[in-house]
Amino acid sequence: MPPRVVFDTNVYISIFAFPEKPLGSLLDLGIVGAIDLFVCPSILEEFRRVVESKFRFNEEQIDFFEDRIFEAAKLVHPSERVAVIKRHEEDNRILECAVAAGADYLVSGDRRHLVPLKRFRGTTIVQPAEFLRLLSQ
């Protein structure tokens, strides 16, 4: 049974905004079924907002990237609110997605708020490179 995984918004942004980096393979893991990848509306909304404002992606590009995300991930709708991270409220939405998905792993590049937690309600929080290492073992 493949591990259940949630990618933080920053992972999706890195995959699409910096395609020369090795993170592109992360999305492929969901497409081929090596992982059960989950996403929620708040992650998609943040993704859209950031790539539009900071990276100036146009609507057509954003739609293409969202289609790729939906090819790899299943949509979940968190029903429980959490308030673990006080300094960056948006990160709580990522944790909510992990809870709703019953995720084994939350993959994040957020070394300030999420990665230091290490675990949250049974979900292991790791950086992308560490996640790739874990899968290769």
Foldseek 3Di string as FASTA:
>chain_A
DAFEEEEALVLLCCVPVPVVDPSVVVLVCLLVVNHAYEDEPLSLVVNVVCCCPPVVDDPVSSVVSVVSNVSRYDYFYQPDFDDPFPPDRSVSVSVSRCVRRVGQEYEYPPPPTFQVVQDDPNYGYYHSVVVVVVSVD
